[in-house]
Amino acid sequence: MTEAVYYILLSLTEPNHGYGIIQNTLELTGGRLELGAGTLYGAINTLLDKDWIRLYSEDKGSRKKKQYILTEPGMAALLQEIQRLEELVGNGRGIVESAGSGFGIEAEAVLDL
């Protein structure tokens, strides 16, 4: 799962529209990740095809008024990704903590990364 898809899914645990997803991602990442419209709407189409999200509501008068929400398969995929990321971080911290002393780095400094 890409980082963009991860944050899109996080943003859709409640109904949200494209601009709201972009804003939520900026907030969650402290401005580090700014989703472009092409990335966002390409991912939304893929997620709709996978049944990970669904259309929640639509105002026919404005394309900005389409709201999407996570589905059960989407929540399962998100939870699986969170578990995978926790494993990655745990493995990384364990290895770097062990190796840190060889570089003169205290374990506490490694855990603050």
N, C-alpha and C. Protein backbone atom coordinates (compact mmCIF):
# COMPACT_ATOMS: atom_id res chain seq x y z
N MET A 1 0.85 -1.17 0.00
CA MET A 1 0.00 0.00 0.00
C MET A 1 0.90 1.23 0.00
N THR A 2 0.59 2.18 -0.86
CA THR A 2 1.38 3.41 -0.89
C THR A 2 1.01 4.31 0.28
N GLU A 3 1.89 5.23 0.57
CA GLU A 3 1.63 6.19 1.64
C GLU A 3 0.38 7.02 1.33
N ALA A 4 0.22 7.40 0.08
CA ALA A 4 -0.96 8.19 -0.31
C ALA A 4 -2.25 7.41 -0.05
N VAL A 5 -2.28 6.16 -0.45
CA VAL A 5 -3.48 5.33 -0.23
C VAL A 5 -3.74 5.16 1.26
N TYR A 6 -2.69 4.96 2.03
CA TYR A 6 -2.82 4.82 3.49
C TYR A 6 -3.52 6.05 4.08
N TYR A 7 -3.07 7.24 3.72
CA TYR A 7 -3.67 8.45 4.27
C TYR A 7 -5.07 8.71 3.71
N ILE A 8 -5.33 8.30 2.48
CA ILE A 8 -6.68 8.43 1.94
C ILE A 8 -7.63 7.55 2.75
N LEU A 9 -7.23 6.31 3.00
CA LEU A 9 -8.08 5.41 3.78
C LEU A 9 -8.29 5.94 5.20
N LEU A 10 -7.24 6.45 5.82
CA LEU A 10 -7.39 7.05 7.15
C LEU A 10 -8.39 8.21 7.12
N SER A 11 -8.35 8.97 6.05
CA SER A 11 -9.23 10.13 5.92
C SER A 11 -10.67 9.75 5.66
N LEU A 12 -10.90 8.50 5.29
CA LEU A 12 -12.26 8.08 4.95
C LEU A 12 -12.90 7.17 6.00
N THR A 13 -12.38 7.21 7.22
CA THR A 13 -13.06 6.50 8.30
C THR A 13 -14.37 7.21 8.65
N GLU A 14 -14.48 8.44 8.19
CA GLU A 14 -15.72 9.22 8.25
C GLU A 14 -15.95 9.77 6.84
N PRO A 15 -17.19 10.07 6.47
CA PRO A 15 -17.42 10.61 5.12
C PRO A 15 -16.56 11.85 4.87
N ASN A 16 -15.98 11.89 3.68
CA ASN A 16 -15.10 13.01 3.34
C ASN A 16 -15.07 13.16 1.83
N HIS A 17 -14.75 14.36 1.37
CA HIS A 17 -14.63 14.65 -0.05
C HIS A 17 -13.17 14.91 -0.39
N GLY A 18 -12.86 15.05 -1.67
CA GLY A 18 -11.48 15.17 -2.13
C GLY A 18 -10.68 16.24 -1.42
N TYR A 19 -11.21 17.45 -1.36
CA TYR A 19 -10.48 18.54 -0.71
C TYR A 19 -10.27 18.23 0.77
N GLY A 20 -11.27 17.63 1.41
CA GLY A 20 -11.14 17.26 2.82
C GLY A 20 -10.06 16.22 3.04
N ILE A 21 -9.93 15.29 2.10
CA ILE A 21 -8.89 14.26 2.19
C ILE A 21 -7.51 14.91 2.09
N ILE A 22 -7.37 15.84 1.15
CA ILE A 22 -6.10 16.56 0.99
C ILE A 22 -5.76 17.32 2.27
N GLN A 23 -6.72 18.02 2.83
CA GLN A 23 -6.49 18.80 4.05
C GLN A 23 -6.17 17.89 5.23
N ASN A 24 -6.89 16.78 5.35
CA ASN A 24 -6.65 15.86 6.45
C ASN A 24 -5.25 15.25 6.37
N THR A 25 -4.83 14.90 5.16
CA THR A 25 -3.50 14.34 4.96
C THR A 25 -2.42 15.36 5.33
N LEU A 26 -2.61 16.60 4.92
CA LEU A 26 -1.66 17.66 5.30
C LEU A 26 -1.58 17.79 6.81
N GLU A 27 -2.72 17.75 7.47
CA GLU A 27 -2.76 17.89 8.93
C GLU A 27 -2.07 16.70 9.61
N LEU A 28 -2.41 15.49 9.18
CA LEU A 28 -1.84 14.29 9.80
C LEU A 28 -0.33 14.20 9.62
N THR A 29 0.18 14.69 8.49
CA THR A 29 1.62 14.58 8.20
C THR A 29 2.38 15.86 8.53
N GLY A 30 1.73 16.82 9.15
CA GLY A 30 2.39 18.07 9.46
C GLY A 30 2.83 18.83 8.22
N GLY A 31 2.09 18.64 7.13
CA GLY A 31 2.41 19.33 5.89
C GLY A 31 3.43 18.62 5.01
N ARG A 32 3.94 17.49 5.47
CA ARG A 32 4.97 16.77 4.73
C ARG A 32 4.44 16.15 3.44
N LEU A 33 3.21 15.65 3.47
CA LEU A 33 2.64 14.98 2.29
C LEU A 33 1.45 15.77 1.77
N GLU A 34 1.60 16.31 0.58
CA GLU A 34 0.52 17.03 -0.06
C GLU A 34 0.07 16.22 -1.27
N LEU A 35 -1.14 15.70 -1.21
CA LEU A 35 -1.66 14.89 -2.30
C LEU A 35 -2.06 15.79 -3.46
N GLY A 36 -1.58 15.47 -4.64
CA GLY A 36 -2.01 16.18 -5.84
C GLY A 36 -3.35 15.62 -6.30
N ALA A 37 -4.06 16.40 -7.08
CA ALA A 37 -5.39 15.99 -7.54
C ALA A 37 -5.30 14.70 -8.37
N GLY A 38 -4.30 14.59 -9.23
CA GLY A 38 -4.17 13.39 -10.05
C GLY A 38 -3.93 12.15 -9.21
N THR A 39 -3.06 12.26 -8.22
CA THR A 39 -2.79 11.15 -7.31
C THR A 39 -4.05 10.77 -6.55
N LEU A 40 -4.71 11.78 -6.00
CA LEU A 40 -5.90 11.54 -5.19
C LEU A 40 -7.00 10.86 -5.99
N TYR A 41 -7.37 11.44 -7.12
CA TYR A 41 -8.51 10.90 -7.85
C TYR A 41 -8.18 9.60 -8.56
N GLY A 42 -6.92 9.40 -8.94
CA GLY A 42 -6.51 8.10 -9.47
C GLY A 42 -6.65 7.02 -8.39
N ALA A 43 -6.21 7.35 -7.18
CA ALA A 43 -6.31 6.41 -6.06
C ALA A 43 -7.76 6.15 -5.69
N ILE A 44 -8.58 7.20 -5.69
CA ILE A 44 -10.00 7.02 -5.37
C ILE A 44 -10.65 6.05 -6.35
N ASN A 45 -10.35 6.19 -7.64
CA ASN A 45 -10.92 5.28 -8.63
C ASN A 45 -10.46 3.85 -8.40
N THR A 46 -9.20 3.67 -8.07
CA THR A 46 -8.67 2.33 -7.77
C THR A 46 -9.34 1.76 -6.53
N LEU A 47 -9.49 2.58 -5.49
CA LEU A 47 -10.11 2.12 -4.25
C LEU A 47 -11.58 1.79 -4.43
N LEU A 48 -12.26 2.53 -5.28
CA LEU A 48 -13.65 2.21 -5.61
C LEU A 48 -13.72 0.86 -6.33
N ASP A 49 -12.81 0.63 -7.27
CA ASP A 49 -12.77 -0.64 -8.01
C ASP A 49 -12.49 -1.82 -7.09
N LYS A 50 -11.66 -1.60 -6.07
CA LYS A 50 -11.33 -2.67 -5.10
C LYS A 50 -12.41 -2.85 -4.04
N ASP A 51 -13.40 -1.96 -4.02
CA ASP A 51 -14.45 -1.96 -3.00
C ASP A 51 -13.90 -1.65 -1.60
N TRP A 52 -12.80 -0.89 -1.55
CA TRP A 52 -12.25 -0.47 -0.26
C TRP A 52 -12.92 0.80 0.22
N ILE A 53 -13.51 1.56 -0.71
CA ILE A 53 -14.30 2.74 -0.37
C ILE A 53 -15.55 2.71 -1.25
N ARG A 54 -16.53 3.52 -0.87
CA ARG A 54 -17.73 3.65 -1.68
C ARG A 54 -18.18 5.10 -1.65
N LEU A 55 -18.98 5.45 -2.63
CA LEU A 55 -19.57 6.79 -2.66
C LEU A 55 -20.56 6.88 -1.51
N TYR A 56 -20.42 7.91 -0.71
CA TYR A 56 -21.30 8.11 0.44
C TYR A 56 -22.46 9.03 0.07
N SER A 57 -22.14 10.13 -0.60
CA SER A 57 -23.17 11.06 -1.05
C SER A 57 -22.63 11.87 -2.21
N GLU A 58 -23.54 12.41 -2.99
CA GLU A 58 -23.13 13.19 -4.16
C GLU A 58 -24.13 14.30 -4.40
N ASP A 59 -23.60 15.50 -4.57
CA ASP A 59 -24.40 16.64 -4.99
C ASP A 59 -24.20 16.77 -6.49
N LYS A 60 -25.22 16.48 -7.25
CA LYS A 60 -25.10 16.47 -8.72
C LYS A 60 -24.69 17.83 -9.29
N GLY A 61 -24.89 18.89 -8.52
CA GLY A 61 -24.55 20.22 -9.00
C GLY A 61 -23.09 20.59 -8.87
N SER A 62 -22.31 19.79 -8.14
CA SER A 62 -20.91 20.14 -7.90
C SER A 62 -20.09 18.87 -7.73
N ARG A 63 -19.01 18.73 -8.51
CA ARG A 63 -18.16 17.55 -8.36
C ARG A 63 -17.42 17.57 -7.04
N LYS A 64 -17.29 18.74 -6.43
CA LYS A 64 -16.61 18.84 -5.14
C LYS A 64 -17.45 18.26 -4.00
N LYS A 65 -18.70 17.98 -4.28
CA LYS A 65 -19.59 17.52 -3.23
C LYS A 65 -19.70 16.00 -3.14
N LYS A 66 -18.88 15.27 -3.89
CA LYS A 66 -18.87 13.81 -3.75
C LYS A 66 -18.15 13.47 -2.46
N GLN A 67 -18.82 12.69 -1.63
CA GLN A 67 -18.18 12.22 -0.41
C GLN A 67 -18.02 10.71 -0.50
N TYR A 68 -16.93 10.23 0.07
CA TYR A 68 -16.61 8.81 0.06
C TYR A 68 -16.46 8.35 1.50
N ILE A 69 -16.57 7.04 1.69
CA ILE A 69 -16.37 6.45 3.02
C ILE A 69 -15.74 5.08 2.88
N LEU A 70 -15.03 4.67 3.89
CA LEU A 70 -14.37 3.37 3.94
C LEU A 70 -15.42 2.26 4.02
N THR A 71 -15.15 1.13 3.36
CA THR A 71 -16.00 -0.05 3.47
C THR A 71 -15.34 -1.04 4.44
N GLU A 72 -16.03 -2.14 4.74
CA GLU A 72 -15.43 -3.16 5.60
C GLU A 72 -14.15 -3.74 5.00
N PRO A 73 -14.13 -4.08 3.69
CA PRO A 73 -12.86 -4.55 3.12
C PRO A 73 -11.76 -3.48 3.18
N GLY A 74 -12.14 -2.23 3.05
CA GLY A 74 -11.18 -1.14 3.16
C GLY A 74 -10.62 -1.02 4.57
N MET A 75 -11.49 -1.17 5.57
CA MET A 75 -11.03 -1.13 6.97
C MET A 75 -10.10 -2.31 7.24
N ALA A 76 -10.44 -3.49 6.71
CA ALA A 76 -9.58 -4.66 6.90
C ALA A 76 -8.20 -4.41 6.28
N ALA A 77 -8.17 -3.82 5.08
CA ALA A 77 -6.90 -3.51 4.43
C ALA A 77 -6.10 -2.49 5.23
N LEU A 78 -6.79 -1.48 5.76
CA LEU A 78 -6.13 -0.45 6.57
C LEU A 78 -5.54 -1.06 7.84
N LEU A 79 -6.29 -1.90 8.51
CA LEU A 79 -5.79 -2.54 9.73
C LEU A 79 -4.60 -3.45 9.45
N GLN A 80 -4.66 -4.16 8.33
CA GLN A 80 -3.54 -5.01 7.93
C GLN A 80 -2.29 -4.17 7.65
N GLU A 81 -2.49 -3.02 7.02
CA GLU A 81 -1.35 -2.13 6.74
C GLU A 81 -0.77 -1.55 8.02
N ILE A 82 -1.61 -1.19 8.97
CA ILE A 82 -1.12 -0.69 10.25
C ILE A 82 -0.28 -1.75 10.94
N GLN A 83 -0.75 -2.99 10.91
CA GLN A 83 0.01 -4.10 11.50
C GLN A 83 1.36 -4.26 10.80
N ARG A 84 1.37 -4.18 9.47
CA ARG A 84 2.61 -4.30 8.70
C ARG A 84 3.59 -3.18 9.06
N LEU A 85 3.06 -1.96 9.15
CA LEU A 85 3.91 -0.81 9.49
C LEU A 85 4.48 -0.93 10.90
N GLU A 86 3.67 -1.42 11.84
CA GLU A 86 4.16 -1.62 13.20
C GLU A 86 5.29 -2.64 13.23
N GLU A 87 5.16 -3.69 12.42
CA GLU A 87 6.23 -4.68 12.32
C GLU A 87 7.50 -4.06 11.76
N LEU A 88 7.37 -3.26 10.70
CA LEU A 88 8.53 -2.58 10.11
C LEU A 88 9.23 -1.71 11.14
N VAL A 89 8.47 -0.91 11.86
CA VAL A 89 9.06 0.00 12.84
C VAL A 89 9.70 -0.79 13.97
N GLY A 90 9.04 -1.81 14.45
CA GLY A 90 9.59 -2.63 15.52
C GLY A 90 10.91 -3.29 15.12
N ASN A 91 10.92 -3.85 13.92
CA ASN A 91 12.16 -4.48 13.44
C ASN A 91 13.27 -3.45 13.29
N GLY A 92 12.94 -2.31 12.73
CA GLY A 92 13.93 -1.26 12.55
C GLY A 92 14.48 -0.76 13.86
N ARG A 93 13.61 -0.47 14.79
CA ARG A 93 14.06 0.02 16.10
C ARG A 93 14.96 -1.01 16.79
N GLY A 94 14.56 -2.28 16.75
CA GLY A 94 15.35 -3.32 17.40
C GLY A 94 16.74 -3.43 16.82
N ILE A 95 16.83 -3.40 15.52
CA ILE A 95 18.14 -3.54 14.86
C ILE A 95 18.99 -2.29 15.08
N VAL A 96 18.40 -1.12 14.93
CA VAL A 96 19.17 0.12 15.11
C VAL A 96 19.59 0.29 16.56
N GLU A 97 18.73 -0.11 17.48
CA GLU A 97 19.09 -0.03 18.89
C GLU A 97 20.29 -0.92 19.18
N SER A 98 20.29 -2.11 18.64
CA SER A 98 21.42 -3.04 18.83
C SER A 98 22.69 -2.50 18.20
N ALA A 99 22.56 -1.93 17.01
CA ALA A 99 23.73 -1.43 16.28
C ALA A 99 24.18 -0.07 16.78
N GLY A 100 23.28 0.65 17.43
CA GLY A 100 23.57 2.02 17.84
C GLY A 100 24.80 2.17 18.70
N SER A 101 25.02 1.23 19.61
CA SER A 101 26.19 1.36 20.50
C SER A 101 27.49 1.30 19.71
N GLY A 102 27.49 0.59 18.60
CA GLY A 102 28.69 0.53 17.76
C GLY A 102 28.99 1.86 17.08
N PHE A 103 28.00 2.74 17.07
CA PHE A 103 28.17 4.07 16.48
C PHE A 103 28.23 5.15 17.55
N GLY A 104 28.29 4.73 18.82
CA GLY A 104 28.35 5.69 19.92
C GLY A 104 27.01 6.36 20.19
N ILE A 105 25.92 5.70 19.83
CA ILE A 105 24.58 6.25 20.03
C ILE A 105 23.91 5.50 21.16
N GLU A 106 23.37 6.22 22.12
CA GLU A 106 22.67 5.62 23.23
C GLU A 106 21.30 5.11 22.77
N ALA A 107 20.81 4.04 23.40
CA ALA A 107 19.52 3.44 23.03
C ALA A 107 18.38 4.46 23.13
N GLU A 108 18.44 5.34 24.11
CA GLU A 108 17.38 6.34 24.28
C GLU A 108 17.30 7.27 23.08
N ALA A 109 18.46 7.60 22.52
CA ALA A 109 18.48 8.47 21.35
C ALA A 109 17.86 7.79 20.15
N VAL A 110 18.09 6.49 20.03
CA VAL A 110 17.52 5.71 18.93
C VAL A 110 16.01 5.67 19.07
N LEU A 111 15.53 5.45 20.26
CA LEU A 111 14.08 5.34 20.48
C LEU A 111 13.37 6.67 20.29
N ASP A 112 14.10 7.77 20.32
CA ASP A 112 13.49 9.08 20.08
C ASP A 112 13.40 9.41 18.59
N LEU A 113 13.92 8.53 17.73
CA LEU A 113 13.88 8.78 16.28
C LEU A 113 12.46 8.96 15.79
